[in-house]
Amino acid sequence: MMTVPKLANMEKIREVTSNKSLKANEMVEILCKMISTDVHLFLNDMAKLASADRVRAMEALELYTRAHVIDEIEMVEKLVMHGIMQSNTGLIREACRVIANTASADLNYDNIVVRLLELSEHGGTVIRWAAATALVSLASHHPIQRRRLEEVFESILAREEKNSIRKIYLRLKKE
């Protein structure tokens, strides 16, 4: 049985992420439970983690944001902006997923959209897929962003070779 530390702090997060007896999904589940214990503390500590630990923490945040609304959305925005600016593809992927999960929040997404558009040209299929998912989620929740992005999406569709990624952008046209 998995036990959840009572307080989400950096040492306990590191303890979970460095525990070799845990499978990756078990780590993420424990970290997700730590988020539900104290969202603010977890997000604050997450910003201070090393890159490898931050990837697992971002995975847990992605899992948590699938089912929960986070009041500290400005802190989440800073974390995902930092995540998508990194070179670690795992961190970029998970940050894009968190953006997609939190797209309905009322924030200024301009800087995030600029970076996601850069990532739409990334050499890695997974990164382009994650960026597409985040962009389409943002566009579907924010009519102003949608209008701004429609032409850009057309040019992305013209250059994108992978049908799986093209389908993500085409999904928005069906709405």
Protein backbone atom coordinates (compact mmCIF):
# COMPACT_ATOMS: atom_id res chain seq x y z
CA MET A 1 0.00 0.00 0.00
CA MET A 2 1.24 3.47 -0.92
CA THR A 3 1.58 5.97 1.88
CA VAL A 4 1.28 9.69 1.30
CA PRO A 5 3.56 12.07 3.19
CA LYS A 6 1.56 14.49 5.36
CA LEU A 7 3.19 17.63 3.98
CA ALA A 8 4.31 18.22 0.43
CA ASN A 9 7.80 19.61 0.73
CA MET A 10 10.88 19.35 -1.42
CA GLU A 11 12.51 16.64 0.66
CA LYS A 12 9.44 14.44 0.53
CA ILE A 13 8.98 15.07 -3.18
CA ARG A 14 12.62 14.12 -3.77
CA GLU A 15 12.17 11.08 -1.54
CA VAL A 16 9.30 9.89 -3.72
CA THR A 17 11.00 10.64 -7.05
CA SER A 18 14.24 8.94 -6.02
CA ASN A 19 12.58 5.81 -4.61
CA LYS A 20 13.74 3.06 -6.97
CA SER A 21 11.18 0.59 -5.62
CA LEU A 22 8.31 2.69 -6.99
CA LYS A 23 7.12 2.45 -10.58
CA ALA A 24 6.75 5.73 -12.47
CA ASN A 25 2.95 5.67 -12.28
CA GLU A 26 3.09 4.99 -8.52
CA MET A 27 5.38 8.00 -8.06
CA VAL A 28 2.96 10.18 -9.99
CA GLU A 29 -0.02 8.93 -7.97
CA ILE A 30 1.74 9.64 -4.66
CA LEU A 31 2.77 13.10 -5.84
CA CYS A 32 -0.78 13.75 -7.01
CA LYS A 33 -2.06 12.89 -3.53
CA MET A 34 0.54 15.27 -2.10
CA ILE A 35 -0.90 18.01 -4.31
CA SER A 36 -4.38 17.38 -2.94
CA THR A 37 -3.01 17.63 0.61
CA ASP A 38 -1.61 21.15 0.07
CA VAL A 39 -1.73 22.55 -3.45
CA HIS A 40 -0.02 25.83 -2.64
CA LEU A 41 2.90 24.23 -0.81
CA PHE A 42 3.39 21.62 -3.54
CA LEU A 43 3.39 24.23 -6.34
CA ASN A 44 5.76 26.45 -4.40
CA ASP A 45 8.18 23.57 -3.80
CA MET A 46 7.83 22.32 -7.35
CA ALA A 47 9.36 25.55 -8.64
CA LYS A 48 12.54 24.79 -6.67
CA LEU A 49 13.04 21.20 -7.81
CA ALA A 50 15.79 19.91 -10.05
CA SER A 51 14.78 19.12 -13.62
CA ALA A 52 14.41 15.34 -13.20
CA ASP A 53 12.22 15.73 -10.12
CA ARG A 54 10.23 18.52 -11.78
CA VAL A 55 9.22 16.22 -14.66
CA ARG A 56 7.55 13.75 -12.27
CA ALA A 57 6.00 16.63 -10.32
CA MET A 58 4.65 18.11 -13.58
CA GLU A 59 3.22 14.69 -14.46
CA ALA A 60 1.45 14.67 -11.11
CA LEU A 61 0.19 18.20 -11.70
CA GLU A 62 -1.13 17.11 -15.09
CA LEU A 63 -2.97 14.19 -13.49
CA TYR A 64 -4.34 16.45 -10.75
CA THR A 65 -5.54 19.16 -13.18
CA ARG A 66 -7.51 16.61 -15.19
CA ALA A 67 -9.98 16.29 -12.33
CA HIS A 68 -9.48 19.42 -10.19
CA VAL A 69 -9.60 23.17 -10.65
CA ILE A 70 -6.65 24.91 -9.06
CA ASP A 71 -7.21 28.29 -7.41
CA GLU A 72 -3.50 29.13 -7.60
CA ILE A 73 -3.71 29.33 -11.41
CA GLU A 74 -1.16 32.18 -11.63
CA MET A 75 1.40 29.93 -9.95
CA VAL A 76 0.51 27.12 -12.35
CA GLU A 77 0.95 29.57 -15.24
CA LYS A 78 4.49 30.41 -14.07
CA LEU A 79 5.36 26.72 -13.70
CA VAL A 80 4.07 25.73 -17.13
CA MET A 81 5.70 28.74 -18.78
CA HIS A 82 8.98 27.70 -17.20
CA GLY A 83 8.33 24.11 -18.26
CA ILE A 84 7.71 24.89 -21.92
CA MET A 85 10.84 27.04 -22.07
CA GLN A 86 13.11 24.14 -21.05
CA SER A 87 14.93 21.68 -23.29
CA ASN A 88 13.72 18.63 -21.34
CA THR A 89 11.11 17.09 -23.64
CA GLY A 90 9.34 15.30 -20.78
CA LEU A 91 8.89 18.58 -18.94
CA ILE A 92 7.69 20.34 -22.10
CA ARG A 93 5.20 17.55 -22.85
CA GLU A 94 3.72 17.54 -19.35
CA ALA A 95 3.60 21.34 -19.16
CA CYS A 96 1.65 21.37 -22.45
CA ARG A 97 -0.79 18.86 -20.99
CA VAL A 98 -1.29 21.02 -17.90
CA ILE A 99 -1.96 23.99 -20.19
CA ALA A 100 -4.59 21.95 -22.04
CA ASN A 101 -6.19 20.89 -18.73
CA THR A 102 -6.31 24.45 -17.39
CA ALA A 103 -7.18 26.20 -20.65
CA SER A 104 -10.56 27.35 -19.37
CA ALA A 105 -8.92 29.57 -16.72
CA ASP A 106 -9.07 33.29 -17.29
CA LEU A 107 -5.44 34.27 -17.81
CA ASN A 108 -3.35 36.18 -20.31
CA TYR A 109 -2.03 33.36 -22.48
CA ASP A 110 -0.15 35.50 -25.00
CA ASN A 111 3.39 34.47 -23.94
CA ILE A 112 2.35 30.85 -23.61
CA VAL A 113 0.79 30.88 -27.09
CA VAL A 114 3.96 32.37 -28.61
CA ARG A 115 6.04 29.54 -27.14
CA LEU A 116 3.50 26.87 -28.10
CA LEU A 117 3.61 28.11 -31.69
CA GLU A 118 7.40 27.77 -31.62
CA LEU A 119 6.98 24.23 -30.29
CA SER A 120 4.58 23.46 -33.17
CA GLU A 121 7.74 23.46 -35.34
CA HIS A 122 9.77 21.23 -32.97
CA GLY A 123 11.53 18.23 -34.48
CA GLY A 124 9.90 15.82 -32.05
CA THR A 125 6.45 14.44 -32.85
CA VAL A 126 5.46 14.17 -29.18
CA ILE A 127 6.29 17.84 -28.56
CA ARG A 128 4.36 18.97 -31.65
CA TRP A 129 1.42 16.78 -30.55
CA ALA A 130 1.47 18.23 -27.02
CA ALA A 131 1.75 21.81 -28.32
CA ALA A 132 -1.16 21.19 -30.71
CA THR A 133 -3.31 19.83 -27.89
CA ALA A 134 -2.56 22.87 -25.71
CA LEU A 135 -3.12 25.35 -28.55
CA VAL A 136 -6.43 23.81 -29.60
CA SER A 137 -7.62 23.69 -25.96
CA LEU A 138 -6.77 27.36 -25.51
CA ALA A 139 -8.45 28.30 -28.79
CA SER A 140 -11.58 26.33 -27.96
CA HIS A 141 -11.97 28.05 -24.57
CA HIS A 142 -11.05 31.59 -25.62
CA PRO A 143 -12.81 33.06 -28.68
CA ILE A 144 -10.32 35.92 -29.03
CA GLN A 145 -7.39 33.49 -29.10
CA ARG A 146 -9.32 31.34 -31.55
CA ARG A 147 -9.75 34.19 -34.01
CA ARG A 148 -6.06 35.10 -33.70
CA LEU A 149 -4.96 31.52 -34.24
CA GLU A 150 -7.20 30.36 -37.11
CA GLU A 151 -4.81 31.55 -39.86
CA VAL A 152 -1.80 30.23 -37.98
CA PHE A 153 -3.48 26.85 -37.63
CA GLU A 154 -4.04 26.79 -41.40
CA SER A 155 -0.32 27.30 -42.02
CA ILE A 156 0.53 24.63 -39.43
CA LEU A 157 -1.86 22.22 -41.18
CA ALA A 158 -0.17 22.97 -44.51
CA ARG A 159 3.28 22.04 -43.20
CA GLU A 160 2.46 19.29 -40.68
CA GLU A 161 3.17 15.83 -42.08
CA LYS A 162 1.81 13.71 -39.22
CA ASN A 163 -1.90 12.97 -39.54
CA SER A 164 -2.25 12.43 -35.80
CA ILE A 165 -1.19 16.04 -35.20
CA ARG A 166 -3.20 17.39 -38.12
CA LYS A 167 -6.33 15.76 -36.63
CA ILE A 168 -5.87 17.76 -33.42
CA TYR A 169 -5.98 21.05 -35.33
CA LEU A 170 -8.83 19.83 -37.54
CA ARG A 171 -10.88 19.00 -34.44
CA LEU A 172 -11.18 22.72 -33.76
CA LYS A 173 -12.69 23.32 -37.19
CA LYS A 174 -15.49 20.88 -36.36
CA GLU A 175 -16.55 22.87 -33.30
